[in-house]
């Protein structure tokens, strides 16, 4: 992790197209301004983690869906007499 010290009004540039500017410091809170292209998604970490968790949950099939699919497969697949 790169650690930098900045004062109010000072800016950090990332890859020529993202700027982070310290807007203010009040106690333990730092206000940052972020200037970036529209296609760059910017999230607070807790929001980003919540989105990731929701994506994982929505991609996982429910157990009942899986059981229903297995039942449908048994119905459609004829059983061989050799088994």
PDB file of N, CA and C in Angstrom:
ATOM      1  N   UNK A   1       0.845  -1.175   0.000  1.00  0.00           N
ATOM      2  CA  UNK A   1       0.000   0.000   0.000  1.00  0.00           C
ATOM      3  C   UNK A   1       0.895   1.244   0.000  1.00  0.00           C
ATOM      4  N   UNK A   2       0.603   2.150  -0.867  1.00  0.00           N
ATOM      5  CA  UNK A   2       1.297   3.435  -0.914  1.00  0.00           C
ATOM      6  C   UNK A   2       0.628   4.368   0.086  1.00  0.00           C
ATOM      7  N   UNK A   3       1.405   5.007   0.928  1.00  0.00           N
ATOM      8  CA  UNK A   3       0.876   5.951   1.913  1.00  0.00           C
ATOM      9  C   UNK A   3       1.433   7.336   1.591  1.00  0.00           C
ATOM     10  N   UNK A   4       0.517   8.290   1.394  1.00  0.00           N
ATOM     11  CA  UNK A   4       0.903   9.662   1.068  1.00  0.00           C
ATOM     12  C   UNK A   4       0.292  10.626   2.078  1.00  0.00           C
ATOM     13  N   UNK A   5       0.980  11.709   2.324  1.00  0.00           N
ATOM     14  CA  UNK A   5       0.435  12.778   3.158  1.00  0.00           C
ATOM     15  C   UNK A   5       0.015  13.918   2.248  1.00  0.00           C
ATOM     16  N   UNK A   6      -1.191  14.432   2.450  1.00  0.00           N
ATOM     17  CA  UNK A   6      -1.697  15.542   1.660  1.00  0.00           C
ATOM     18  C   UNK A   6      -2.374  16.516   2.602  1.00  0.00           C
ATOM     19  N   UNK A   7      -2.366  17.767   2.254  1.00  0.00           N
ATOM     20  CA  UNK A   7      -3.048  18.808   3.014  1.00  0.00           C
ATOM     21  C   UNK A   7      -4.299  19.236   2.254  1.00  0.00           C
ATOM     22  N   UNK A   8      -5.159  19.972   2.936  1.00  0.00           N
ATOM     23  CA  UNK A   8      -6.380  20.479   2.310  1.00  0.00           C
ATOM     24  C   UNK A   8      -6.022  21.216   1.017  1.00  0.00           C
ATOM     25  N   UNK A   9      -6.746  20.862  -0.059  1.00  0.00           N
ATOM     26  CA  UNK A   9      -6.538  21.479  -1.355  1.00  0.00           C
ATOM     27  C   UNK A   9      -5.513  20.774  -2.231  1.00  0.00           C
ATOM     28  N   UNK A  10      -4.753  19.836  -1.676  1.00  0.00           N
ATOM     29  CA  UNK A  10      -3.748  19.119  -2.464  1.00  0.00           C
ATOM     30  C   UNK A  10      -4.380  17.912  -3.142  1.00  0.00           C
ATOM     31  N   UNK A  11      -3.787  17.506  -4.270  1.00  0.00           N
ATOM     32  CA  UNK A  11      -4.372  16.480  -5.135  1.00  0.00           C
ATOM     33  C   UNK A  11      -3.389  15.358  -5.404  1.00  0.00           C
ATOM     34  N   UNK A  12      -3.939  14.181  -5.638  1.00  0.00           N
ATOM     35  CA  UNK A  12      -3.189  13.006  -6.078  1.00  0.00           C
ATOM     36  C   UNK A  12      -3.744  12.625  -7.443  1.00  0.00           C
ATOM     37  N   UNK A  13      -2.877  12.295  -8.393  1.00  0.00           N
ATOM     38  CA  UNK A  13      -3.306  11.898  -9.736  1.00  0.00           C
ATOM     39  C   UNK A  13      -3.005  10.414  -9.928  1.00  0.00           C
ATOM     40  N   UNK A  14      -3.985   9.674 -10.467  1.00  0.00           N
ATOM     41  CA  UNK A  14      -3.832   8.242 -10.739  1.00  0.00           C
ATOM     42  C   UNK A  14      -4.049   8.024 -12.228  1.00  0.00           C
ATOM     43  N   UNK A  15      -3.071   7.461 -12.909  1.00  0.00           N
ATOM     44  CA  UNK A  15      -3.123   7.112 -14.331  1.00  0.00           C
ATOM     45  C   UNK A  15      -3.635   8.239 -15.235  1.00  0.00           C
ATOM     46  N   UNK A  16      -3.208   9.419 -15.027  1.00  0.00           N
ATOM     47  CA  UNK A  16      -3.514  10.566 -15.893  1.00  0.00           C
ATOM     48  C   UNK A  16      -4.975  10.986 -15.960  1.00  0.00           C
ATOM     49  N   UNK A  17      -5.911  10.162 -15.455  1.00  0.00           N
ATOM     50  CA  UNK A  17      -7.317  10.542 -15.640  1.00  0.00           C
ATOM     51  C   UNK A  17      -8.160  10.480 -14.366  1.00  0.00           C
ATOM     52  N   UNK A  18      -7.540  10.218 -13.227  1.00  0.00           N
ATOM     53  CA  UNK A  18      -8.268  10.197 -11.957  1.00  0.00           C
ATOM     54  C   UNK A  18      -7.549  11.129 -10.990  1.00  0.00           C
ATOM     55  N   UNK A  19      -8.295  12.052 -10.392  1.00  0.00           N
ATOM     56  CA  UNK A  19      -7.724  12.976  -9.420  1.00  0.00           C
ATOM     57  C   UNK A  19      -8.460  12.858  -8.093  1.00  0.00           C
ATOM     58  N   UNK A  20      -7.702  12.734  -7.013  1.00  0.00           N
ATOM     59  CA  UNK A  20      -8.248  12.742  -5.657  1.00  0.00           C
ATOM     60  C   UNK A  20      -7.780  14.022  -4.992  1.00  0.00           C
ATOM     61  N   UNK A  21      -8.706  14.831  -4.517  1.00  0.00           N
ATOM     62  CA  UNK A  21      -8.362  16.089  -3.873  1.00  0.00           C
ATOM     63  C   UNK A  21      -8.882  16.092  -2.445  1.00  0.00           C
ATOM     64  N   UNK A  22      -8.035  16.485  -1.515  1.00  0.00           N
ATOM     65  CA  UNK A  22      -8.452  16.612  -0.120  1.00  0.00           C
ATOM     66  C   UNK A  22      -9.237  17.915  -0.008  1.00  0.00           C
ATOM     67  N   UNK A  23     -10.535  17.794   0.308  1.00  0.00           N
ATOM     68  CA  UNK A  23     -11.390  18.964   0.414  1.00  0.00           C
ATOM     69  C   UNK A  23     -11.413  19.534   1.821  1.00  0.00           C
ATOM     70  N   UNK A  24     -11.238  18.657   2.791  1.00  0.00           N
ATOM     71  CA  UNK A  24     -11.254  19.131   4.164  1.00  0.00           C
ATOM     72  C   UNK A  24     -10.960  18.025   5.149  1.00  0.00           C
ATOM     73  N   UNK A  25     -10.546  18.417   6.333  1.00  0.00           N
ATOM     74  CA  UNK A  25     -10.282  17.475   7.412  1.00  0.00           C
ATOM     75  C   UNK A  25     -10.946  18.030   8.664  1.00  0.00           C
ATOM     76  N   UNK A  26     -11.830  17.229   9.254  1.00  0.00           N
ATOM     77  CA  UNK A  26     -12.519  17.625  10.482  1.00  0.00           C
ATOM     78  C   UNK A  26     -12.437  16.475  11.468  1.00  0.00           C
ATOM     79  N   UNK A  27     -11.573  16.584  12.457  1.00  0.00           N
ATOM     80  CA  UNK A  27     -11.368  15.503  13.417  1.00  0.00           C
ATOM     81  C   UNK A  27     -10.813  14.277  12.715  1.00  0.00           C
ATOM     82  N   UNK A  28     -11.511  13.145  12.823  1.00  0.00           N
ATOM     83  CA  UNK A  28     -11.089  11.893  12.188  1.00  0.00           C
ATOM     84  C   UNK A  28     -11.642  11.737  10.776  1.00  0.00           C
ATOM     85  N   UNK A  29     -12.381  12.720  10.287  1.00  0.00           N
ATOM     86  CA  UNK A  29     -13.038  12.611   8.985  1.00  0.00           C
ATOM     87  C   UNK A  29     -12.298  13.426   7.929  1.00  0.00           C
ATOM     88  N   UNK A  30     -12.022  12.779   6.797  1.00  0.00           N
ATOM     89  CA  UNK A  30     -11.378  13.439   5.664  1.00  0.00           C
ATOM     90  C   UNK A  30     -12.391  13.483   4.529  1.00  0.00           C
ATOM     91  N   UNK A  31     -12.613  14.650   3.945  1.00  0.00           N
ATOM     92  CA  UNK A  31     -13.500  14.780   2.793  1.00  0.00           C
ATOM     93  C   UNK A  31     -12.643  14.771   1.545  1.00  0.00           C
ATOM     94  N   UNK A  32     -12.964  13.874   0.620  1.00  0.00           N
ATOM     95  CA  UNK A  32     -12.217  13.741  -0.624  1.00  0.00           C
ATOM     96  C   UNK A  32     -13.112  14.090  -1.804  1.00  0.00           C
ATOM     97  N   UNK A  33     -12.536  14.753  -2.791  1.00  0.00           N
ATOM     98  CA  UNK A  33     -13.206  14.976  -4.060  1.00  0.00           C
ATOM     99  C   UNK A  33     -12.548  14.068  -5.085  1.00  0.00           C
ATOM    100  N   UNK A  34     -13.357  13.399  -5.902  1.00  0.00           N
ATOM    101  CA  UNK A  34     -12.822  12.464  -6.893  1.00  0.00           C
ATOM    102  C   UNK A  34     -13.285  12.908  -8.273  1.00  0.00           C
ATOM    103  N   UNK A  35     -12.321  13.117  -9.155  1.00  0.00           N
ATOM    104  CA  UNK A  35     -12.636  13.464 -10.540  1.00  0.00           C
ATOM    105  C   UNK A  35     -12.135  12.314 -11.401  1.00  0.00           C
ATOM    106  N   UNK A  36     -13.069  11.661 -12.124  1.00  0.00           N
ATOM    107  CA  UNK A  36     -12.723  10.490 -12.926  1.00  0.00           C
ATOM    108  C   UNK A  36     -13.675  10.406 -14.120  1.00  0.00           C
ATOM    109  N   UNK A  37     -13.275   9.684 -15.174  1.00  0.00           N
ATOM    110  CA  UNK A  37     -14.185   9.475 -16.306  1.00  0.00           C
ATOM    111  C   UNK A  37     -15.460   8.754 -15.858  1.00  0.00           C
ATOM    112  N   UNK A  38     -16.553   8.984 -16.562  1.00  0.00           N
ATOM    113  CA  UNK A  38     -17.839   8.375 -16.192  1.00  0.00           C
ATOM    114  C   UNK A  38     -17.789   6.850 -16.165  1.00  0.00           C
ATOM    115  N   UNK A  39     -16.966   6.238 -17.011  1.00  0.00           N
ATOM    116  CA  UNK A  39     -16.920   4.774 -17.068  1.00  0.00           C
ATOM    117  C   UNK A  39     -16.198   4.147 -15.885  1.00  0.00           C
ATOM    118  N   UNK A  40     -15.554   4.955 -15.062  1.00  0.00           N
ATOM    119  CA  UNK A  40     -14.865   4.437 -13.873  1.00  0.00           C
ATOM    120  C   UNK A  40     -15.869   4.401 -12.727  1.00  0.00           C
ATOM    121  N   UNK A  41     -16.114   3.195 -12.211  1.00  0.00           N
ATOM    122  CA  UNK A  41     -17.036   3.053 -11.086  1.00  0.00           C
ATOM    123  C   UNK A  41     -16.289   3.334  -9.790  1.00  0.00           C
ATOM    124  N   UNK A  42     -16.906   4.138  -8.923  1.00  0.00           N
ATOM    125  CA  UNK A  42     -16.298   4.505  -7.651  1.00  0.00           C
ATOM    126  C   UNK A  42     -17.315   4.217  -6.552  1.00  0.00           C
ATOM    127  N   UNK A  43     -16.923   3.398  -5.580  1.00  0.00           N
ATOM    128  CA  UNK A  43     -17.798   3.029  -4.469  1.00  0.00           C
ATOM    129  C   UNK A  43     -17.046   3.161  -3.153  1.00  0.00           C
ATOM    130  N   UNK A  44     -17.771   3.460  -2.093  1.00  0.00           N
ATOM    131  CA  UNK A  44     -17.199   3.277  -0.751  1.00  0.00           C
ATOM    132  C   UNK A  44     -17.033   1.771  -0.573  1.00  0.00           C
ATOM    133  N   UNK A  45     -16.017   1.365   0.174  1.00  0.00           N
ATOM    134  CA  UNK A  45     -15.711  -0.062   0.265  1.00  0.00           C
ATOM    135  C   UNK A  45     -16.885  -0.871   0.815  1.00  0.00           C
ATOM    136  N   UNK A  46     -17.575  -0.363   1.840  1.00  0.00           N
ATOM    137  CA  UNK A  46     -18.685  -1.127   2.417  1.00  0.00           C
ATOM    138  C   UNK A  46     -19.807  -1.321   1.406  1.00  0.00           C
ATOM    139  N   UNK A  47     -20.032  -0.352   0.533  1.00  0.00           N
ATOM    140  CA  UNK A  47     -21.048  -0.483  -0.516  1.00  0.00           C
ATOM    141  C   UNK A  47     -20.584  -1.502  -1.554  1.00  0.00           C
ATOM    142  N   UNK A  48     -19.312  -1.421  -1.949  1.00  0.00           N
ATOM    143  CA  UNK A  48     -18.746  -2.365  -2.920  1.00  0.00           C
ATOM    144  C   UNK A  48     -18.864  -3.801  -2.417  1.00  0.00           C
ATOM    145  N   UNK A  49     -18.530  -4.035  -1.149  1.00  0.00           N
ATOM    146  CA  UNK A  49     -18.612  -5.396  -0.587  1.00  0.00           C
ATOM    147  C   UNK A  49     -20.059  -5.885  -0.546  1.00  0.00           C
ATOM    148  N   UNK A  50     -20.989  -4.993  -0.254  1.00  0.00           N
ATOM    149  CA  UNK A  50     -22.406  -5.359  -0.237  1.00  0.00           C
ATOM    150  C   UNK A  50     -22.884  -5.750  -1.639  1.00  0.00           C
ATOM    151  N   UNK A  51     -22.442  -5.013  -2.653  1.00  0.00           N
ATOM    152  CA  UNK A  51     -22.798  -5.336  -4.035  1.00  0.00           C
ATOM    153  C   UNK A  51     -22.235  -6.697  -4.418  1.00  0.00           C
ATOM    154  N   UNK A  52     -20.979  -6.952  -4.056  1.00  0.00           N
ATOM    155  CA  UNK A  52     -20.351  -8.236  -4.367  1.00  0.00           C
ATOM    156  C   UNK A  52     -21.111  -9.381  -3.703  1.00  0.00           C
ATOM    157  N   UNK A  53     -21.491  -9.196  -2.448  1.00  0.00           N
ATOM    158  CA  UNK A  53     -22.230 -10.228  -1.715  1.00  0.00           C
ATOM    159  C   UNK A  53     -23.585 -10.493  -2.372  1.00  0.00           C
ATOM    160  N   UNK A  54     -24.274  -9.447  -2.784  1.00  0.00           N
ATOM    161  CA  UNK A  54     -25.569  -9.600  -3.456  1.00  0.00           C
ATOM    162  C   UNK A  54     -25.418 -10.339  -4.774  1.00  0.00           C
ATOM    163  N   UNK A  55     -24.341 -10.054  -5.514  1.00  0.00           N
ATOM    164  CA  UNK A  55     -24.098 -10.746  -6.776  1.00  0.00           C
ATOM    165  C   UNK A  55     -23.873 -12.233  -6.563  1.00  0.00           C
ATOM    166  N   UNK A  56     -23.121 -12.589  -5.540  1.00  0.00           N
ATOM    167  CA  UNK A  56     -22.863 -14.004  -5.251  1.00  0.00           C
ATOM    168  C   UNK A  56     -24.161 -14.703  -4.865  1.00  0.00           C
ATOM    169  N   UNK A  57     -24.955 -14.054  -4.030  1.00  0.00           N
ATOM    170  CA  UNK A  57     -26.225 -14.650  -3.594  1.00  0.00           C
ATOM    171  C   UNK A  57     -27.183 -14.846  -4.769  1.00  0.00           C
ATOM    172  N   UNK A  58     -27.250 -13.883  -5.661  1.00  0.00           N
ATOM    173  CA  UNK A  58     -28.190 -14.005  -6.777  1.00  0.00           C
ATOM    174  C   UNK A  58     -27.720 -15.015  -7.817  1.00  0.00           C
ATOM    175  N   UNK A  59     -26.424 -15.296  -7.869  1.00  0.00           N
ATOM    176  CA  UNK A  59     -25.900 -16.257  -8.838  1.00  0.00           C
ATOM    177  C   UNK A  59     -26.046 -17.698  -8.346  1.00  0.00           C
ATOM    178  N   UNK A  60     -26.183 -17.895  -7.051  1.00  0.00           N
ATOM    179  CA  UNK A  60     -26.292 -19.239  -6.490  1.00  0.00           C
ATOM    180  C   UNK A  60     -27.744 -19.711  -6.583  1.00  0.00           C
ATOM    181  N   UNK A  61     -27.976 -20.878  -7.185  1.00  0.00           N
ATOM    182  CA  UNK A  61     -29.351 -21.391  -7.256  1.00  0.00           C
ATOM    183  C   UNK A  61     -29.829 -21.830  -5.878  1.00  0.00           C
ATOM    184  N   UNK A  62     -31.089 -21.643  -5.639  1.00  0.00           N
ATOM    185  CA  UNK A  62     -31.674 -22.088  -4.374  1.00  0.00           C
ATOM    186  C   UNK A  62     -31.733 -23.606  -4.363  1.00  0.00           C
ATOM    187  N   UNK A  63     -31.647 -24.200  -3.191  1.00  0.00           N
ATOM    188  CA  UNK A  63     -31.666 -25.664  -3.066  1.00  0.00           C
ATOM    189  C   UNK A  63     -32.955 -26.231  -3.652  1.00  0.00           C
ATOM    190  N   UNK A  64     -34.083 -25.558  -3.432  1.00  0.00           N
ATOM    191  CA  UNK A  64     -35.351 -26.066  -3.954  1.00  0.00           C
ATOM    192  C   UNK A  64     -35.362 -26.048  -5.483  1.00  0.00           C
ATOM    193  N   UNK A  65     -34.724 -25.047  -6.089  1.00  0.00           N
ATOM    194  CA  UNK A  65     -34.631 -25.010  -7.548  1.00  0.00           C
ATOM    195  C   UNK A  65     -33.842 -26.207  -8.068  1.00  0.00           C
ATOM    196  N   UNK A  66     -32.766 -26.535  -7.390  1.00  0.00           N
ATOM    197  CA  UNK A  66     -31.933 -27.663  -7.796  1.00  0.00           C
ATOM    198  C   UNK A  66     -32.706 -28.970  -7.649  1.00  0.00           C
ATOM    199  N   UNK A  67     -33.408 -29.138  -6.542  1.00  0.00           N
ATOM    200  CA  UNK A  67     -34.190 -30.358  -6.324  1.00  0.00           C
ATOM    201  C   UNK A  67     -35.299 -30.485  -7.376  1.00  0.00           C
ATOM    202  N   UNK A  68     -35.953 -29.388  -7.710  1.00  0.00           N
ATOM    203  CA  UNK A  68     -37.006 -29.393  -8.721  1.00  0.00           C
ATOM    204  C   UNK A  68     -36.433 -29.790 -10.078  1.00  0.00           C
ATOM    205  N   UNK A  69     -35.261 -29.278 -10.423  1.00  0.00           N
ATOM    206  CA  UNK A  69     -34.609 -29.626 -11.680  1.00  0.00           C
ATOM    207  C   UNK A  69     -34.281 -31.114 -11.712  1.00  0.00           C
ATOM    208  N   UNK A  70     -33.764 -31.646 -10.615  1.00  0.00           N
ATOM    209  CA  UNK A  70     -33.428 -33.072 -10.560  1.00  0.00           C
ATOM    210  C   UNK A  70     -34.682 -33.930 -10.752  1.00  0.00           C
ATOM    211  N   UNK A  71     -35.788 -33.536 -10.161  1.00  0.00           N
ATOM    212  CA  UNK A  71     -37.038 -34.278 -10.329  1.00  0.00           C
ATOM    213  C   UNK A  71     -37.494 -34.240 -11.789  1.00  0.00           C
ATOM    214  N   UNK A  72     -37.374 -33.100 -12.424  1.00  0.00           N
ATOM    215  CA  UNK A  72     -37.762 -32.983 -13.831  1.00  0.00           C
ATOM    216  C   UNK A  72     -36.864 -33.850 -14.709  1.00  0.00           C
ATOM    217  N   UNK A  73     -35.590 -33.917 -14.397  1.00  0.00           N
ATOM    218  CA  UNK A  73     -34.654 -34.727 -15.171  1.00  0.00           C
ATOM    219  C   UNK A  73     -35.003 -36.208 -15.030  1.00  0.00           C
ATOM    220  N   UNK A  74     -35.389 -36.648 -13.848  1.00  0.00           N
ATOM    221  CA  UNK A  74     -35.764 -38.053 -13.635  1.00  0.00           C
ATOM    222  C   UNK A  74     -37.005 -38.408 -14.445  1.00  0.00           C
ATOM    223  N   UNK A  75     -37.939 -37.497 -14.528  1.00  0.00           N
ATOM    224  CA  UNK A  75     -39.176 -37.739 -15.266  1.00  0.00           C
ATOM    225  C   UNK A  75     -38.889 -37.849 -16.764  1.00  0.00           C
ATOM    226  N   UNK A  76     -38.039 -37.006 -17.294  1.00  0.00           N
ATOM    227  CA  UNK A  76     -37.789 -36.952 -18.725  1.00  0.00           C
ATOM    228  C   UNK A  76     -36.828 -38.025 -19.210  1.00  0.00           C
ATOM    229  N   UNK A  77     -35.994 -38.555 -18.359  1.00  0.00           N
ATOM    230  CA  UNK A  77     -34.978 -39.523 -18.779  1.00  0.00           C
ATOM    231  C   UNK A  77     -35.508 -40.929 -18.567  1.00  0.00           C
ATOM    232  N   UNK A  78     -35.699 -41.707 -19.640  1.00  0.00           N
ATOM    233  CA  UNK A  78     -36.209 -43.068 -19.478  1.00  0.00           C
ATOM    234  C   UNK A  78     -35.132 -43.942 -18.807  1.00  0.00           C
ATOM    235  N   UNK A  79     -35.599 -44.852 -18.013  1.00  0.00           N
ATOM    236  CA  UNK A  79     -34.708 -45.776 -17.311  1.00  0.00           C
ATOM    237  C   UNK A  79     -34.448 -46.974 -18.199  1.00  0.00           C
ATOM    238  N   UNK A  80     -33.201 -47.350 -18.354  1.00  0.00           N
ATOM    239  CA  UNK A  80     -32.826 -48.488 -19.189  1.00  0.00           C
ATOM    240  C   UNK A  80     -33.171 -49.770 -18.462  1.00  0.00           C
ATOM    241  N   UNK A  81     -33.629 -50.818 -19.201  1.00  0.00           N
ATOM    242  CA  UNK A  81     -33.970 -52.102 -18.588  1.00  0.00           C
ATOM    243  C   UNK A  81     -32.717 -52.874 -18.209  1.00  0.00           C
ATOM    244  N   UNK A  82     -31.542 -52.510 -18.764  1.00  0.00           N
ATOM    245  CA  UNK A  82     -30.300 -53.192 -18.443  1.00  0.00           C
ATOM    246  C   UNK A  82     -29.748 -52.798 -17.079  1.00  0.00           C
ATOM    247  N   UNK A  83     -30.280 -51.781 -16.474  1.00  0.00           N
ATOM    248  CA  UNK A  83     -29.756 -51.287 -15.189  1.00  0.00           C
ATOM    249  C   UNK A  83     -30.403 -51.987 -14.048  1.00  0.00           C
TER     250      UNK A  83
END
